[in-house]
């Protein structure tokens, strides 16, 4: 069966407070990160952007929580995505949740 075209799903993953939501805020022109309790995303959220002209479909972005307590949410995000963007803060480097995101990407054979 032919499936309908849909925008690609891009999931941002990484350690808590590495800037995932801030990066998405810049893309969508919002300030959601500023209102998060303790600067920690506590739920998966998504938004779509349209493409400018042509036949492009735009993209749907998923923001996942980086705190270690939300591992199951991140794993679900890995299963629902076409591409994982791994966000790593330069001043903090690779963390356990960074390694976890890489493992999830490998498990579901998702480009990282």
Protein backbone atom coordinates (compact mmCIF):
# COMPACT_ATOMS: atom_id res chain seq x y z
CA UNK A 1 0.00 0.00 0.00
CA UNK A 2 1.19 3.49 -0.76
CA UNK A 3 1.57 5.57 2.38
CA UNK A 4 0.78 9.29 2.26
CA UNK A 5 3.70 11.69 2.34
CA UNK A 6 4.35 13.26 5.71
CA UNK A 7 6.92 15.67 7.07
CA UNK A 8 10.03 14.02 8.50
CA UNK A 9 10.07 13.67 12.27
CA UNK A 10 13.23 15.03 13.94
CA UNK A 11 13.81 14.24 17.63
CA UNK A 12 16.23 16.23 19.78
CA UNK A 13 17.95 14.16 22.45
CA UNK A 14 20.72 14.76 24.95
CA UNK A 15 21.48 15.35 28.60
CA UNK A 16 19.41 17.64 30.83
CA UNK A 17 20.18 21.36 30.44
CA UNK A 18 22.26 20.96 27.28
CA UNK A 19 20.03 23.28 25.25
CA UNK A 20 17.56 21.09 23.36
CA UNK A 21 14.52 23.21 24.17
CA UNK A 22 16.46 26.45 23.67
CA UNK A 23 17.46 25.27 20.20
CA UNK A 24 13.84 24.53 19.37
CA UNK A 25 12.79 27.89 20.86
CA UNK A 26 15.10 29.55 18.34
CA UNK A 27 13.48 27.61 15.48
CA UNK A 28 9.90 28.34 16.53
CA UNK A 29 10.41 31.86 17.89
CA UNK A 30 9.25 30.97 21.39
CA UNK A 31 10.59 30.98 24.94
CA UNK A 32 9.35 27.67 26.33
CA UNK A 33 12.68 26.89 28.02
CA UNK A 34 12.35 30.00 30.17
CA UNK A 35 9.12 28.67 31.71
CA UNK A 36 10.26 25.16 32.51
CA UNK A 37 10.48 24.16 36.16
CA UNK A 38 14.15 24.23 37.07
CA UNK A 39 14.98 24.46 33.38
CA UNK A 40 14.05 20.80 32.96
CA UNK A 41 11.70 19.58 30.22
CA UNK A 42 9.24 17.22 31.88
CA UNK A 43 7.18 16.03 28.92
CA UNK A 44 7.60 15.25 25.27
CA UNK A 45 6.42 18.10 23.07
CA UNK A 46 6.24 18.50 19.32
CA UNK A 47 5.77 21.22 16.76
CA UNK A 48 5.79 21.40 12.98
CA UNK A 49 7.28 23.94 10.65
CA UNK A 50 6.17 24.38 7.09
CA UNK A 51 8.50 24.62 4.15
CA UNK A 52 8.80 27.84 2.22
CA UNK A 53 7.29 27.29 -1.22
CA UNK A 54 7.71 24.33 -3.50
CA UNK A 55 6.59 20.83 -2.67
CA UNK A 56 8.59 20.37 0.51
CA UNK A 57 6.72 19.12 3.52
CA UNK A 58 8.58 20.96 6.27
CA UNK A 59 9.43 18.99 9.40
CA UNK A 60 8.02 17.94 12.75
CA UNK A 61 10.33 18.38 15.75
CA UNK A 62 10.07 16.43 19.00
CA UNK A 63 11.64 17.72 22.21
CA UNK A 64 12.48 15.01 24.74
CA UNK A 65 13.31 15.48 28.42
CA UNK A 66 16.99 14.99 29.22
CA UNK A 67 16.74 14.10 32.91
CA UNK A 68 17.67 10.50 33.69
CA UNK A 69 14.20 9.81 35.16
CA UNK A 70 12.63 10.22 31.72
CA UNK A 71 14.50 7.43 29.90
CA UNK A 72 11.28 5.67 28.82
CA UNK A 73 10.02 8.88 27.16
CA UNK A 74 13.27 9.25 25.26
CA UNK A 75 13.12 5.66 24.12
CA UNK A 76 9.57 6.20 22.80
CA UNK A 77 10.83 9.29 21.00
CA UNK A 78 13.52 7.21 19.29
CA UNK A 79 10.88 4.82 17.97
CA UNK A 80 8.77 7.65 16.51
CA UNK A 81 11.44 9.52 14.60
CA UNK A 82 13.17 9.66 11.24
CA UNK A 83 16.26 11.49 12.51
CA UNK A 84 17.78 12.05 15.95
CA UNK A 85 19.69 15.26 16.60
CA UNK A 86 22.02 14.77 19.54
CA UNK A 87 22.60 17.97 21.52
CA UNK A 88 25.75 18.07 23.68
CA UNK A 89 26.78 21.14 25.68
CA UNK A 90 30.43 21.99 25.08
CA UNK A 91 31.00 22.89 28.72
CA UNK A 92 29.57 19.57 30.00
CA UNK A 93 30.51 17.06 27.32
CA UNK A 94 29.19 13.56 26.86
CA UNK A 95 26.98 12.30 29.68
CA UNK A 96 25.19 8.99 30.38
CA UNK A 97 22.02 10.24 28.67
CA UNK A 98 24.14 11.14 25.62
CA UNK A 99 25.35 7.55 25.41
CA UNK A 100 21.78 6.36 25.96
CA UNK A 101 20.53 8.39 22.99
CA UNK A 102 23.24 6.90 20.79
CA UNK A 103 22.20 3.42 21.93
CA UNK A 104 18.52 4.13 21.17
CA UNK A 105 19.42 5.41 17.70
CA UNK A 106 21.42 2.24 16.99
CA UNK A 107 18.66 -0.03 18.33
CA UNK A 108 15.99 1.47 16.05
CA UNK A 109 18.45 2.04 13.18
CA UNK A 110 17.72 5.75 13.10
CA UNK A 111 20.18 8.23 11.59
CA UNK A 112 21.93 10.27 14.25
